[in-house]
Each structure stands twice: as C-alpha cells, then as structure tokens.
Amino acid sequence: MSVPERRTFAKGAVIFKEGENGREAYMLQKGKVRIFKTVAGRRITIGVVQPGQVFGELALLDNGSRMGAAVAEEDITCLTMSKASIDHMMNEAPNGLATLVLSLLGTVRAMGDDLAQARAELEEHRRT
C-alpha cells in the first residue's frame, strides 16, 4: 500500500478530465473542487467537493473511466490515494462488501448521467 502524497492545484487547474482512466483518487484538505460533465458542449455541474471529502474514486473502484471532470474552484490541497491503496482496502473489507459497493457505483454513474442531462435541459428551458 502506498503512502498518500500531498498535492496542490491552483485555482482553475484541471485535476482530471471526463473519460480519462483513473490513476488516483483525492481527499480534499483545503479549498473547493467542482465536478462537471459536458452535455451538448456545455459544462454541467454535478457536484462540489468540500474539505474532508473524497473525489475521483469511482474510476478506481470499478475500473471505469472518469464520469466527470474535476476543476479547482480555488487553490486546493489534497492527499492522493493510489489504485493499489484502494484495491487493498477493498480486499480487506468483509465478504460481500465489494459486491455491494460495485452495485452502488453503477447506480451512482447512472444518476450522474441523469442529473447532468436534467440540469442541461433545465438550463436550456430557462433560456427560452
């Protein structure tokens, strides 16, 4: 299991892009991060990460691609968690927990897509 690395990103920095393969997850210590999906060429916010929260973990847990992009809304500090560290935690979890987590992740991914689409449609409706 690897030791977490402290990383900083300046306001406006792209931490990861939607569709990329995940190599690490992040635990935010300071600042704020916006998670968004691109729908019809527009950035649709699907979440805002506050200190103490983890982001970027889905792609590591289910080996899928990044479901959204992450951008530093202000200067941020975070700790990284490697895929090996997350795999180790999942392997140490009680039997059945991994199955439950993977099931929930499928639901979260679908809900993220639905949320982004609904927000895009609402934004379009407000413009007309």
C-alpha atoms as a PDB file:
ATOM      1  CA  MET A   1       0.000   0.000   0.000  1.00  0.00           C
ATOM      2  CA  SER A   2       1.431   3.386  -0.989  1.00  0.00           C
ATOM      3  CA  VAL A   3       1.747   6.441   1.224  1.00  0.00           C
ATOM      4  CA  PRO A   4      -0.601   9.329   0.320  1.00  0.00           C
ATOM      5  CA  GLU A   5       1.112  12.225  -1.420  1.00  0.00           C
ATOM      6  CA  ARG A   6       0.138  15.823  -0.689  1.00  0.00           C
ATOM      7  CA  ARG A   7      -0.682  17.711  -3.897  1.00  0.00           C
ATOM      8  CA  THR A   8      -1.697  21.282  -4.578  1.00  0.00           C
ATOM      9  CA  PHE A   9      -3.550  22.714  -7.546  1.00  0.00           C
ATOM     10  CA  ALA A  10      -4.041  26.389  -8.393  1.00  0.00           C
ATOM     11  CA  LYS A  11      -7.483  27.899  -8.909  1.00  0.00           C
ATOM     12  CA  GLY A  12      -8.754  26.899 -12.340  1.00  0.00           C
ATOM     13  CA  ALA A  13      -6.490  23.845 -12.687  1.00  0.00           C
ATOM     14  CA  VAL A  14      -7.998  20.749 -14.276  1.00  0.00           C
ATOM     15  CA  ILE A  15      -7.355  17.860 -11.884  1.00  0.00           C
ATOM     16  CA  PHE A  16      -8.723  15.240 -14.270  1.00  0.00           C
ATOM     17  CA  LYS A  17     -10.861  15.128 -17.404  1.00  0.00           C
ATOM     18  CA  GLU A  18     -14.100  13.316 -18.096  1.00  0.00           C
ATOM     19  CA  GLY A  19     -13.470   9.974 -19.814  1.00  0.00           C
ATOM     20  CA  GLU A  20      -9.856   9.582 -18.660  1.00  0.00           C
ATOM     21  CA  ASN A  21      -8.636   6.448 -16.934  1.00  0.00           C
ATOM     22  CA  GLY A  22      -8.201   6.988 -13.204  1.00  0.00           C
ATOM     23  CA  ARG A  23      -4.788   6.537 -11.604  1.00  0.00           C
ATOM     24  CA  GLU A  24      -5.535   8.111  -8.234  1.00  0.00           C
ATOM     25  CA  ALA A  25      -8.320   9.446  -6.057  1.00  0.00           C
ATOM     26  CA  TYR A  26      -8.122  12.569  -3.929  1.00  0.00           C
ATOM     27  CA  MET A  27      -9.077  13.554  -0.396  1.00  0.00           C
ATOM     28  CA  LEU A  28      -9.614  17.303  -0.324  1.00  0.00           C
ATOM     29  CA  GLN A  29      -7.968  19.041   2.621  1.00  0.00           C
ATOM     30  CA  LYS A  30      -8.346  22.694   1.671  1.00  0.00           C
ATOM     31  CA  GLY A  31     -10.329  24.560  -0.973  1.00  0.00           C
ATOM     32  CA  LYS A  32     -13.227  23.587  -3.205  1.00  0.00           C
ATOM     33  CA  VAL A  33     -13.433  21.407  -6.341  1.00  0.00           C
ATOM     34  CA  ARG A  34     -16.209  21.430  -8.944  1.00  0.00           C
ATOM     35  CA  ILE A  35     -17.146  18.174 -10.681  1.00  0.00           C
ATOM     36  CA  PHE A  36     -18.875  18.565 -14.033  1.00  0.00           C
ATOM     37  CA  LYS A  37     -19.992  16.640 -17.093  1.00  0.00           C
ATOM     38  CA  THR A  38     -20.120  18.039 -20.606  1.00  0.00           C
ATOM     39  CA  VAL A  39     -23.600  17.869 -22.145  1.00  0.00           C
ATOM     40  CA  ALA A  40     -24.242  19.343 -25.597  1.00  0.00           C
ATOM     41  CA  GLY A  41     -20.957  21.241 -25.366  1.00  0.00           C
ATOM     42  CA  ARG A  42     -21.793  22.845 -22.001  1.00  0.00           C
ATOM     43  CA  ARG A  43     -20.244  22.195 -18.601  1.00  0.00           C
ATOM     44  CA  ILE A  44     -22.937  20.954 -16.236  1.00  0.00           C
ATOM     45  CA  THR A  45     -22.008  20.868 -12.548  1.00  0.00           C
ATOM     46  CA  ILE A  46     -22.902  17.582 -10.871  1.00  0.00           C
ATOM     47  CA  GLY A  47     -21.167  18.229  -7.562  1.00  0.00           C
ATOM     48  CA  VAL A  48     -18.963  20.446  -5.441  1.00  0.00           C
ATOM     49  CA  VAL A  49     -16.349  18.810  -3.225  1.00  0.00           C
ATOM     50  CA  GLN A  50     -15.617  20.321   0.194  1.00  0.00           C
ATOM     51  CA  PRO A  51     -12.676  19.662   2.564  1.00  0.00           C
ATOM     52  CA  GLY A  52     -12.780  16.174   4.062  1.00  0.00           C
ATOM     53  CA  GLN A  53     -14.498  14.652   1.024  1.00  0.00           C
ATOM     54  CA  VAL A  54     -13.011  12.198  -1.473  1.00  0.00           C
ATOM     55  CA  PHE A  55     -13.370  12.569  -5.242  1.00  0.00           C
ATOM     56  CA  GLY A  56     -12.170  10.642  -8.264  1.00  0.00           C
ATOM     57  CA  GLU A  57     -12.653   7.283  -6.554  1.00  0.00           C
ATOM     58  CA  LEU A  58     -15.303   5.770  -8.833  1.00  0.00           C
ATOM     59  CA  ALA A  59     -12.913   5.139 -11.721  1.00  0.00           C
ATOM     60  CA  LEU A  60     -10.552   3.336  -9.350  1.00  0.00           C
ATOM     61  CA  LEU A  61     -13.204   1.209  -7.702  1.00  0.00           C
ATOM     62  CA  ASP A  62     -14.933  -0.065 -10.837  1.00  0.00           C
ATOM     63  CA  ASN A  63     -12.076   0.354 -13.361  1.00  0.00           C
ATOM     64  CA  GLY A  64     -14.293   2.605 -15.480  1.00  0.00           C
ATOM     65  CA  SER A  65     -13.374   5.965 -16.931  1.00  0.00           C
ATOM     66  CA  ARG A  66     -13.785   9.280 -15.118  1.00  0.00           C
ATOM     67  CA  MET A  67     -17.516  10.031 -15.110  1.00  0.00           C
ATOM     68  CA  GLY A  68     -16.852  13.768 -14.949  1.00  0.00           C
ATOM     69  CA  ALA A  69     -14.084  16.330 -14.888  1.00  0.00           C
ATOM     70  CA  ALA A  70     -12.692  17.986 -11.758  1.00  0.00           C
ATOM     71  CA  VAL A  71     -11.553  21.625 -11.625  1.00  0.00           C
ATOM     72  CA  ALA A  72     -10.111  23.543  -8.679  1.00  0.00           C
ATOM     73  CA  GLU A  73     -12.582  26.329  -7.819  1.00  0.00           C
ATOM     74  CA  GLU A  74      -9.894  27.911  -5.645  1.00  0.00           C
ATOM     75  CA  ASP A  75      -6.353  26.967  -4.655  1.00  0.00           C
ATOM     76  CA  ILE A  76      -6.610  23.461  -3.217  1.00  0.00           C
ATOM     77  CA  THR A  77      -4.578  20.968  -1.204  1.00  0.00           C
ATOM     78  CA  CYS A  78      -5.383  17.283  -1.261  1.00  0.00           C
ATOM     79  CA  LEU A  79      -3.964  13.868  -0.459  1.00  0.00           C
ATOM     80  CA  THR A  80      -3.765  11.291  -3.228  1.00  0.00           C
ATOM     81  CA  MET A  81      -4.840   7.683  -2.891  1.00  0.00           C
ATOM     82  CA  SER A  82      -3.440   5.202  -5.394  1.00  0.00           C
ATOM     83  CA  LYS A  83      -5.434   2.474  -7.094  1.00  0.00           C
ATOM     84  CA  ALA A  84      -3.288  -0.077  -5.223  1.00  0.00           C
ATOM     85  CA  SER A  85      -4.292   1.503  -1.891  1.00  0.00           C
ATOM     86  CA  ILE A  86      -7.972   1.440  -2.767  1.00  0.00           C
ATOM     87  CA  ASP A  87      -7.720  -2.148  -4.057  1.00  0.00           C
ATOM     88  CA  HIS A  88      -6.052  -3.106  -0.769  1.00  0.00           C
ATOM     89  CA  MET A  89      -8.882  -1.540   1.251  1.00  0.00           C
ATOM     90  CA  MET A  90     -11.493  -3.352  -0.853  1.00  0.00           C
ATOM     91  CA  ASN A  91      -9.658  -6.674  -0.493  1.00  0.00           C
ATOM     92  CA  GLU A  92      -9.563  -6.233   3.294  1.00  0.00           C
ATOM     93  CA  ALA A  93     -13.277  -5.437   3.512  1.00  0.00           C
ATOM     94  CA  PRO A  94     -15.729  -8.065   4.771  1.00  0.00           C
ATOM     95  CA  ASN A  95     -17.042 -10.570   2.224  1.00  0.00           C
ATOM     96  CA  GLY A  96     -19.830  -9.162   0.104  1.00  0.00           C
ATOM     97  CA  LEU A  97     -18.920  -5.519   0.665  1.00  0.00           C
ATOM     98  CA  ALA A  98     -17.133  -5.225  -2.694  1.00  0.00           C
ATOM     99  CA  THR A  99     -20.240  -6.547  -4.464  1.00  0.00           C
ATOM    100  CA  LEU A 100     -22.398  -4.014  -2.647  1.00  0.00           C
ATOM    101  CA  VAL A 101     -20.012  -1.131  -3.423  1.00  0.00           C
ATOM    102  CA  LEU A 102     -19.800  -2.047  -7.119  1.00  0.00           C
ATOM    103  CA  SER A 103     -23.586  -2.247  -7.318  1.00  0.00           C
ATOM    104  CA  LEU A 104     -23.893   1.202  -5.758  1.00  0.00           C
ATOM    105  CA  LEU A 105     -21.285   2.605  -8.148  1.00  0.00           C
ATOM    106  CA  GLY A 106     -23.350   1.514 -11.122  1.00  0.00           C
ATOM    107  CA  THR A 107     -26.294   3.393  -9.664  1.00  0.00           C
ATOM    108  CA  VAL A 108     -24.156   6.484  -8.945  1.00  0.00           C
ATOM    109  CA  ARG A 109     -22.826   6.550 -12.516  1.00  0.00           C
ATOM    110  CA  ALA A 110     -26.354   6.307 -13.960  1.00  0.00           C
ATOM    111  CA  MET A 111     -27.613   9.007 -11.597  1.00  0.00           C
ATOM    112  CA  GLY A 112     -24.714  11.294 -12.558  1.00  0.00           C
ATOM    113  CA  ASP A 113     -25.627  10.965 -16.225  1.00  0.00           C
ATOM    114  CA  ASP A 114     -29.310  11.580 -15.476  1.00  0.00           C
ATOM    115  CA  LEU A 115     -28.520  14.592 -13.275  1.00  0.00           C
ATOM    116  CA  ALA A 116     -26.294  16.190 -15.899  1.00  0.00           C
ATOM    117  CA  GLN A 117     -28.904  15.668 -18.615  1.00  0.00           C
ATOM    118  CA  ALA A 118     -31.709  17.062 -16.436  1.00  0.00           C
ATOM    119  CA  ARG A 119     -29.673  20.128 -15.471  1.00  0.00           C
ATOM    120  CA  ALA A 120     -28.772  20.756 -19.120  1.00  0.00           C
ATOM    121  CA  GLU A 121     -32.430  20.526 -20.137  1.00  0.00           C
ATOM    122  CA  LEU A 122     -33.452  22.850 -17.281  1.00  0.00           C
ATOM    123  CA  GLU A 123     -30.786  25.367 -18.289  1.00  0.00           C
ATOM    124  CA  GLU A 124     -31.991  25.208 -21.899  1.00  0.00           C
ATOM    125  CA  HIS A 125     -35.606  25.664 -20.771  1.00  0.00           C
ATOM    126  CA  ARG A 126     -34.637  28.770 -18.752  1.00  0.00           C
ATOM    127  CA  ARG A 127     -33.010  30.318 -21.834  1.00  0.00           C
ATOM    128  CA  THR A 128     -36.225  30.063 -23.845  1.00  0.00           C
END
